[in-house]
Amino acid sequence: PPGDWAAGERGIAALPGREEEFRASIETALAY
């Protein structure tokens, strides 16, 4: 998951402060 793509975000892996969201995105991807 890339963050808010519609708002212009293009990933969050290098964004300080988004660590919890990034961890959750890993689990989301694992379902797929």
PDB file of all heavy atoms in Angstrom:
ATOM      1  N   PRO A   1       0.832  -1.201   0.000  1.00  0.00           N
ATOM      2  CA  PRO A   1       0.000   0.000   0.000  1.00  0.00           C
ATOM      3  C   PRO A   1       0.871   1.257   0.000  1.00  0.00           C
ATOM      4  O   PRO A   1       1.869   1.337   0.737  1.00  0.00           O
ATOM      5  CB  PRO A   1      -0.812  -0.127   1.292  1.00  0.00           C
ATOM      6  CG  PRO A   1      -0.908  -1.612   1.517  1.00  0.00           C
ATOM      7  CD  PRO A   1       0.420  -2.158   1.050  1.00  0.00           C
ATOM      8  N   PRO A   2       0.498   2.283  -0.809  1.00  0.00           N
ATOM      9  CA  PRO A   2       1.375   3.435  -1.015  1.00  0.00           C
ATOM     10  C   PRO A   2       1.069   4.663  -0.179  1.00  0.00           C
ATOM     11  O   PRO A   2       1.613   5.730  -0.438  1.00  0.00           O
ATOM     12  CB  PRO A   2       1.123   3.747  -2.482  1.00  0.00           C
ATOM     13  CG  PRO A   2      -0.354   3.479  -2.648  1.00  0.00           C
ATOM     14  CD  PRO A   2      -0.641   2.283  -1.760  1.00  0.00           C
ATOM     15  N   GLY A   3       0.197   4.528   0.813  1.00  0.00           N
ATOM     16  CA  GLY A   3      -0.295   5.739   1.465  1.00  0.00           C
ATOM     17  C   GLY A   3      -1.510   6.245   0.717  1.00  0.00           C
ATOM     18  O   GLY A   3      -2.248   5.479   0.085  1.00  0.00           O
ATOM     19  N   ASP A   4      -1.728   7.542   0.736  1.00  0.00           N
ATOM     20  CA  ASP A   4      -2.890   8.143   0.065  1.00  0.00           C
ATOM     21  C   ASP A   4      -2.519   8.489  -1.377  1.00  0.00           C
ATOM     22  O   ASP A   4      -2.088   9.605  -1.674  1.00  0.00           O
ATOM     23  CB  ASP A   4      -3.344   9.388   0.828  1.00  0.00           C
ATOM     24  CG  ASP A   4      -4.690   9.905   0.343  1.00  0.00           C
ATOM     25  OD1 ASP A   4      -5.116   9.533  -0.774  1.00  0.00           O
ATOM     26  OD2 ASP A   4      -5.322  10.677   1.077  1.00  0.00           O
ATOM     27  N   TRP A   5      -2.685   7.530  -2.265  1.00  0.00           N
ATOM     28  CA  TRP A   5      -2.299   7.705  -3.672  1.00  0.00           C
ATOM     29  C   TRP A   5      -3.073   8.851  -4.318  1.00  0.00           C
ATOM     30  O   TRP A   5      -2.504   9.665  -5.057  1.00  0.00           O
ATOM     31  CB  TRP A   5      -2.541   6.404  -4.416  1.00  0.00           C
ATOM     32  CG  TRP A   5      -2.061   6.373  -5.832  1.00  0.00           C
ATOM     33  CD1 TRP A   5      -2.769   6.695  -6.950  1.00  0.00           C
ATOM     34  CD2 TRP A   5      -0.749   6.005  -6.290  1.00  0.00           C
ATOM     35  NE1 TRP A   5      -1.985   6.547  -8.080  1.00  0.00           N
ATOM     36  CE2 TRP A   5      -0.750   6.118  -7.694  1.00  0.00           C
ATOM     37  CE3 TRP A   5       0.410   5.584  -5.649  1.00  0.00           C
ATOM     38  CZ2 TRP A   5       0.371   5.828  -8.468  1.00  0.00           C
ATOM     39  CZ3 TRP A   5       1.532   5.282  -6.419  1.00  0.00           C
ATOM     40  CH2 TRP A   5       1.501   5.414  -7.810  1.00  0.00           C
ATOM     41  N   ALA A   6      -4.366   8.931  -4.046  1.00  0.00           N
ATOM     42  CA  ALA A   6      -5.196   9.971  -4.663  1.00  0.00           C
ATOM     43  C   ALA A   6      -4.746  11.368  -4.252  1.00  0.00           C
ATOM     44  O   ALA A   6      -4.905  12.328  -5.012  1.00  0.00           O
ATOM     45  CB  ALA A   6      -6.663   9.757  -4.288  1.00  0.00           C
ATOM     46  N   ALA A   7      -4.160  11.480  -3.075  1.00  0.00           N
ATOM     47  CA  ALA A   7      -3.675  12.774  -2.591  1.00  0.00           C
ATOM     48  C   ALA A   7      -2.248  13.060  -3.038  1.00  0.00           C
ATOM     49  O   ALA A   7      -1.686  14.094  -2.674  1.00  0.00           O
ATOM     50  CB  ALA A   7      -3.760  12.827  -1.070  1.00  0.00           C
ATOM     51  N   GLY A   8      -1.654  12.134  -3.798  1.00  0.00           N
ATOM     52  CA  GLY A   8      -0.322  12.363  -4.330  1.00  0.00           C
ATOM     53  C   GLY A   8       0.797  11.613  -3.637  1.00  0.00           C
ATOM     54  O   GLY A   8       1.958  11.746  -4.036  1.00  0.00           O
ATOM     55  N   GLU A   9       0.469  10.843  -2.615  1.00  0.00           N
ATOM     56  CA  GLU A   9       1.525  10.070  -1.958  1.00  0.00           C
ATOM     57  C   GLU A   9       1.970   8.917  -2.850  1.00  0.00           C
ATOM     58  O   GLU A   9       1.160   8.315  -3.576  1.00  0.00           O
ATOM     59  CB  GLU A   9       1.044   9.548  -0.604  1.00  0.00           C
ATOM     60  CG  GLU A   9       0.844  10.665   0.403  1.00  0.00           C
ATOM     61  CD  GLU A   9       0.619  10.159   1.813  1.00  0.00           C
ATOM     62  OE1 GLU A   9       0.008   9.094   1.973  1.00  0.00           O
ATOM     63  OE2 GLU A   9       1.058  10.859   2.748  1.00  0.00           O
ATOM     64  N   ARG A  10       3.261   8.600  -2.758  1.00  0.00           N
ATOM     65  CA  ARG A  10       3.848   7.565  -3.607  1.00  0.00           C
ATOM     66  C   ARG A  10       4.695   6.608  -2.764  1.00  0.00           C
ATOM     67  O   ARG A  10       5.828   6.326  -3.053  1.00  0.00           O
ATOM     68  CB  ARG A  10       4.681   8.207  -4.731  1.00  0.00           C
ATOM     69  CG  ARG A  10       3.863   9.031  -5.729  1.00  0.00           C
ATOM     70  CD  ARG A  10       2.881   8.146  -6.473  1.00  0.00           C
ATOM     71  NE  ARG A  10       2.085   8.851  -7.464  1.00  0.00           N
ATOM     72  CZ  ARG A  10       0.833   9.293  -7.263  1.00  0.00           C
ATOM     73  NH1 ARG A  10       0.270   9.129  -6.066  1.00  0.00           N
ATOM     74  NH2 ARG A  10       0.159   9.885  -8.236  1.00  0.00           N
ATOM     75  N   GLY A  11       4.084   6.107  -1.724  1.00  0.00           N
ATOM     76  CA  GLY A  11       4.769   5.246  -0.788  1.00  0.00           C
ATOM     77  C   GLY A  11       5.069   5.978   0.503  1.00  0.00           C
ATOM     78  O   GLY A  11       5.066   7.224   0.556  1.00  0.00           O
ATOM     79  N   ILE A  12       5.343   5.204   1.564  1.00  0.00           N
ATOM     80  CA  ILE A  12       5.577   5.809   2.879  1.00  0.00           C
ATOM     81  C   ILE A  12       6.814   5.247   3.571  1.00  0.00           C
ATOM     82  O   ILE A  12       7.111   5.628   4.701  1.00  0.00           O
ATOM     83  CB  ILE A  12       4.348   5.638   3.795  1.00  0.00           C
ATOM     84  CG1 ILE A  12       4.009   4.146   3.981  1.00  0.00           C
ATOM     85  CG2 ILE A  12       3.156   6.399   3.237  1.00  0.00           C
ATOM     86  CD1 ILE A  12       2.870   3.898   4.976  1.00  0.00           C
ATOM     87  N   ALA A  13       7.561   4.384   2.905  1.00  0.00           N
ATOM     88  CA  ALA A  13       8.657   3.673   3.568  1.00  0.00           C
ATOM     89  C   ALA A  13       9.774   4.597   4.033  1.00  0.00           C
ATOM     90  O   ALA A  13      10.501   4.256   4.966  1.00  0.00           O
ATOM     91  CB  ALA A  13       9.227   2.596   2.648  1.00  0.00           C
ATOM     92  N   ALA A  14       9.938   5.746   3.386  1.00  0.00           N
ATOM     93  CA  ALA A  14      11.009   6.673   3.773  1.00  0.00           C
ATOM     94  C   ALA A  14      10.485   7.895   4.524  1.00  0.00           C
ATOM     95  O   ALA A  14      11.229   8.863   4.713  1.00  0.00           O
ATOM     96  CB  ALA A  14      11.781   7.126   2.531  1.00  0.00           C
ATOM     97  N   LEU A  15       9.246   7.844   4.976  1.00  0.00           N
ATOM     98  CA  LEU A  15       8.630   9.018   5.602  1.00  0.00           C
ATOM     99  C   LEU A  15       8.632   8.885   7.120  1.00  0.00           C
ATOM    100  O   LEU A  15       7.865   8.080   7.685  1.00  0.00           O
ATOM    101  CB  LEU A  15       7.194   9.189   5.098  1.00  0.00           C
ATOM    102  CG  LEU A  15       7.003   9.267   3.571  1.00  0.00           C
ATOM    103  CD1 LEU A  15       5.547   9.594   3.249  1.00  0.00           C
ATOM    104  CD2 LEU A  15       7.949  10.287   2.943  1.00  0.00           C
ATOM    105  N   PRO A  16       9.459   9.656   7.822  1.00  0.00           N
ATOM    106  CA  PRO A  16       9.440   9.625   9.287  1.00  0.00           C
ATOM    107  C   PRO A  16       8.051   9.973   9.822  1.00  0.00           C
ATOM    108  O   PRO A  16       7.352  10.835   9.288  1.00  0.00           O
ATOM    109  CB  PRO A  16      10.460  10.709   9.669  1.00  0.00           C
ATOM    110  CG  PRO A  16      11.375  10.808   8.481  1.00  0.00           C
ATOM    111  CD  PRO A  16      10.489  10.574   7.297  1.00  0.00           C
ATOM    112  N   GLY A  17       7.647   9.268  10.868  1.00  0.00           N
ATOM    113  CA  GLY A  17       6.347   9.499  11.467  1.00  0.00           C
ATOM    114  C   GLY A  17       5.241   8.608  10.943  1.00  0.00           C
ATOM    115  O   GLY A  17       4.134   8.617  11.473  1.00  0.00           O
ATOM    116  N   ARG A  18       5.556   7.821   9.903  1.00  0.00           N
ATOM    117  CA  ARG A  18       4.532   6.934   9.317  1.00  0.00           C
ATOM    118  C   ARG A  18       4.820   5.460   9.619  1.00  0.00           C
ATOM    119  O   ARG A  18       4.295   4.573   8.948  1.00  0.00           O
ATOM    120  CB  ARG A  18       4.472   7.158   7.800  1.00  0.00           C
ATOM    121  CG  ARG A  18       4.245   8.594   7.364  1.00  0.00           C
ATOM    122  CD  ARG A  18       2.837   9.078   7.680  1.00  0.00           C
ATOM    123  NE  ARG A  18       1.849   8.447   6.828  1.00  0.00           N
ATOM    124  CZ  ARG A  18       1.540   8.879   5.588  1.00  0.00           C
ATOM    125  NH1 ARG A  18       2.167   9.928   5.067  1.00  0.00           N
ATOM    126  NH2 ARG A  18       0.614   8.262   4.890  1.00  0.00           N
ATOM    127  N   GLU A  19       5.623   5.222  10.631  1.00  0.00           N
ATOM    128  CA  GLU A  19       6.075   3.860  10.906  1.00  0.00           C
ATOM    129  C   GLU A  19       4.937   2.906  11.255  1.00  0.00           C
ATOM    130  O   GLU A  19       4.929   1.749  10.794  1.00  0.00           O
ATOM    131  CB  GLU A  19       7.121   3.864  12.035  1.00  0.00           C
ATOM    132  CG  GLU A  19       8.457   4.480  11.643  1.00  0.00           C
ATOM    133  CD  GLU A  19       8.490   6.005  11.790  1.00  0.00           C
ATOM    134  OE1 GLU A  19       7.450   6.591  12.169  1.00  0.00           O
ATOM    135  OE2 GLU A  19       9.568   6.585  11.540  1.00  0.00           O
ATOM    136  N   GLU A  20       3.993   3.348  12.046  1.00  0.00           N
ATOM    137  CA  GLU A  20       2.881   2.461  12.421  1.00  0.00           C
ATOM    138  C   GLU A  20       2.046   2.111  11.191  1.00  0.00           C
ATOM    139  O   GLU A  20       1.636   0.957  11.010  1.00  0.00           O
ATOM    140  CB  GLU A  20       2.016   3.123  13.494  1.00  0.00           C
ATOM    141  CG  GLU A  20       2.660   3.178  14.865  1.00  0.00           C
ATOM    142  CD  GLU A  20       2.910   1.783  15.438  1.00  0.00           C
ATOM    143  OE1 GLU A  20       2.092   0.870  15.184  1.00  0.00           O
ATOM    144  OE2 GLU A  20       3.932   1.610  16.130  1.00  0.00           O
ATOM    145  N   GLU A  21       1.787   3.098  10.371  1.00  0.00           N
ATOM    146  CA  GLU A  21       1.026   2.849   9.141  1.00  0.00           C
ATOM    147  C   GLU A  21       1.792   1.891   8.229  1.00  0.00           C
ATOM    148  O   GLU A  21       1.200   1.014   7.589  1.00  0.00           O
ATOM    149  CB  GLU A  21       0.766   4.170   8.420  1.00  0.00           C
ATOM    150  CG  GLU A  21      -0.068   4.034   7.165  1.00  0.00           C
ATOM    151  CD  GLU A  21      -0.291   5.367   6.469  1.00  0.00           C
ATOM    152  OE1 GLU A  21       0.012   6.412   7.071  1.00  0.00           O
ATOM    153  OE2 GLU A  21      -0.755   5.356   5.313  1.00  0.00           O
ATOM    154  N   PHE A  22       3.111   2.047   8.187  1.00  0.00           N
ATOM    155  CA  PHE A  22       3.903   1.160   7.350  1.00  0.00           C
ATOM    156  C   PHE A  22       3.824  -0.275   7.858  1.00  0.00           C
ATOM    157  O   PHE A  22       3.661  -1.216   7.063  1.00  0.00           O
ATOM    158  CB  PHE A  22       5.359   1.627   7.293  1.00  0.00           C
ATOM    159  CG  PHE A  22       6.219   0.727   6.463  1.00  0.00           C
ATOM    160  CD1 PHE A  22       6.135   0.754   5.075  1.00  0.00           C
ATOM    161  CD2 PHE A  22       7.083  -0.169   7.064  1.00  0.00           C
ATOM    162  CE1 PHE A  22       6.900  -0.100   4.301  1.00  0.00           C
ATOM    163  CE2 PHE A  22       7.866  -1.024   6.296  1.00  0.00           C
ATOM    164  CZ  PHE A  22       7.773  -0.993   4.911  1.00  0.00           C
ATOM    165  N   ARG A  23       3.926  -0.461   9.152  1.00  0.00           N
ATOM    166  CA  ARG A  23       3.826  -1.808   9.707  1.00  0.00           C
ATOM    167  C   ARG A  23       2.483  -2.439   9.354  1.00  0.00           C
ATOM    168  O   ARG A  23       2.404  -3.621   8.996  1.00  0.00           O
ATOM    169  CB  ARG A  23       4.013  -1.781  11.229  1.00  0.00           C
ATOM    170  CG  ARG A  23       5.475  -1.738  11.650  1.00  0.00           C
ATOM    171  CD  ARG A  23       5.621  -1.980  13.142  1.00  0.00           C
ATOM    172  NE  ARG A  23       5.263  -0.809  13.916  1.00  0.00           N
ATOM    173  CZ  ARG A  23       6.119   0.169  14.220  1.00  0.00           C
ATOM    174  NH1 ARG A  23       7.369   0.120  13.801  1.00  0.00           N
ATOM    175  NH2 ARG A  23       5.728   1.203  14.937  1.00  0.00           N
ATOM    176  N   ALA A  24       1.423  -1.654   9.451  1.00  0.00           N
ATOM    177  CA  ALA A  24       0.095  -2.174   9.114  1.00  0.00           C
ATOM    178  C   ALA A  24       0.000  -2.523   7.632  1.00  0.00           C
ATOM    179  O   ALA A  24      -0.676  -3.486   7.250  1.00  0.00           O
ATOM    180  CB  ALA A  24      -0.975  -1.150   9.496  1.00  0.00           C
ATOM    181  N   SER A  25       0.686  -1.756   6.799  1.00  0.00           N
ATOM    182  CA  SER A  25       0.620  -2.010   5.353  1.00  0.00           C
ATOM    183  C   SER A  25       1.239  -3.356   4.993  1.00  0.00           C
ATOM    184  O   SER A  25       0.804  -4.008   4.021  1.00  0.00           O
ATOM    185  CB  SER A  25       1.312  -0.882   4.582  1.00  0.00           C
ATOM    186  OG  SER A  25       2.730  -1.001   4.598  1.00  0.00           O
ATOM    187  N   ILE A  26       2.237  -3.788   5.736  1.00  0.00           N
ATOM    188  CA  ILE A  26       2.845  -5.101   5.499  1.00  0.00           C
ATOM    189  C   ILE A  26       1.809  -6.195   5.721  1.00  0.00           C
ATOM    190  O   ILE A  26       1.675  -7.127   4.912  1.00  0.00           O
ATOM    191  CB  ILE A  26       4.061  -5.312   6.413  1.00  0.00           C
ATOM    192  CG1 ILE A  26       5.160  -4.299   6.098  1.00  0.00           C
ATOM    193  CG2 ILE A  26       4.585  -6.739   6.287  1.00  0.00           C
ATOM    194  CD1 ILE A  26       6.318  -4.323   7.094  1.00  0.00           C
ATOM    195  N   GLU A  27       1.049  -6.078   6.803  1.00  0.00           N
ATOM    196  CA  GLU A  27       0.044  -7.094   7.106  1.00  0.00           C
ATOM    197  C   GLU A  27      -1.079  -7.074   6.075  1.00  0.00           C
ATOM    198  O   GLU A  27      -1.607  -8.129   5.693  1.00  0.00           O
ATOM    199  CB  GLU A  27      -0.514  -6.879   8.515  1.00  0.00           C
ATOM    200  CG  GLU A  27       0.548  -6.917   9.609  1.00  0.00           C
ATOM    201  CD  GLU A  27       1.412  -8.165   9.543  1.00  0.00           C
ATOM    202  OE1 GLU A  27       0.854  -9.282   9.422  1.00  0.00           O
ATOM    203  OE2 GLU A  27       2.656  -8.029   9.624  1.00  0.00           O
ATOM    204  N   THR A  28      -1.447  -5.889   5.604  1.00  0.00           N
ATOM    205  CA  THR A  28      -2.452  -5.790   4.547  1.00  0.00           C
ATOM    206  C   THR A  28      -1.986  -6.523   3.290  1.00  0.00           C
ATOM    207  O   THR A  28      -2.728  -7.300   2.681  1.00  0.00           O
ATOM    208  CB  THR A  28      -2.738  -4.319   4.213  1.00  0.00           C
ATOM    209  OG1 THR A  28      -3.277  -3.670   5.365  1.00  0.00           O
ATOM    210  CG2 THR A  28      -3.722  -4.195   3.060  1.00  0.00           C
ATOM    211  N   ALA A  29      -0.741  -6.280   2.922  1.00  0.00           N
ATOM    212  CA  ALA A  29      -0.202  -6.925   1.716  1.00  0.00           C
ATOM    213  C   ALA A  29      -0.140  -8.434   1.867  1.00  0.00           C
ATOM    214  O   ALA A  29      -0.371  -9.179   0.906  1.00  0.00           O
ATOM    215  CB  ALA A  29       1.185  -6.369   1.411  1.00  0.00           C
ATOM    216  N   LEU A  30       0.157  -8.918   3.070  1.00  0.00           N
ATOM    217  CA  LEU A  30       0.290 -10.358   3.275  1.00  0.00           C
ATOM    218  C   LEU A  30      -1.005 -11.116   2.994  1.00  0.00           C
ATOM    219  O   LEU A  30      -0.970 -12.272   2.541  1.00  0.00           O
ATOM    220  CB  LEU A  30       0.770 -10.645   4.693  1.00  0.00           C
ATOM    221  CG  LEU A  30       2.274 -10.513   4.919  1.00  0.00           C
ATOM    222  CD1 LEU A  30       2.604 -10.610   6.405  1.00  0.00           C
ATOM    223  CD2 LEU A  30       3.033 -11.593   4.140  1.00  0.00           C
ATOM    224  N   ALA A  31      -2.138 -10.486   3.222  1.00  0.00           N
ATOM    225  CA  ALA A  31      -3.411 -11.148   2.899  1.00  0.00           C
ATOM    226  C   ALA A  31      -3.499 -11.441   1.408  1.00  0.00           C
ATOM    227  O   ALA A  31      -3.995 -12.503   0.995  1.00  0.00           O
ATOM    228  CB  ALA A  31      -4.584 -10.282   3.344  1.00  0.00           C
ATOM    229  N   TYR A  32      -2.992 -10.530   0.583  1.00  0.00           N
ATOM    230  CA  TYR A  32      -3.003 -10.719  -0.874  1.00  0.00           C
ATOM    231  C   TYR A  32      -1.878 -11.659  -1.317  1.00  0.00           C
ATOM    232  O   TYR A  32      -2.025 -12.383  -2.306  1.00  0.00           O
ATOM    233  CB  TYR A  32      -2.900  -9.369  -1.568  1.00  0.00           C
ATOM    234  CG  TYR A  32      -4.118  -8.516  -1.356  1.00  0.00           C
ATOM    235  CD1 TYR A  32      -4.257  -7.726  -0.203  1.00  0.00           C
ATOM    236  CD2 TYR A  32      -5.152  -8.501  -2.285  1.00  0.00           C
ATOM    237  CE1 TYR A  32      -5.388  -6.966   0.011  1.00  0.00           C
ATOM    238  CE2 TYR A  32      -6.289  -7.727  -2.080  1.00  0.00           C
ATOM    239  CZ  TYR A  32      -6.395  -6.971  -0.928  1.00  0.00           C
ATOM    240  OH  TYR A  32      -7.531  -6.209  -0.719  1.00  0.00           O
TER     241      TYR A  32
END
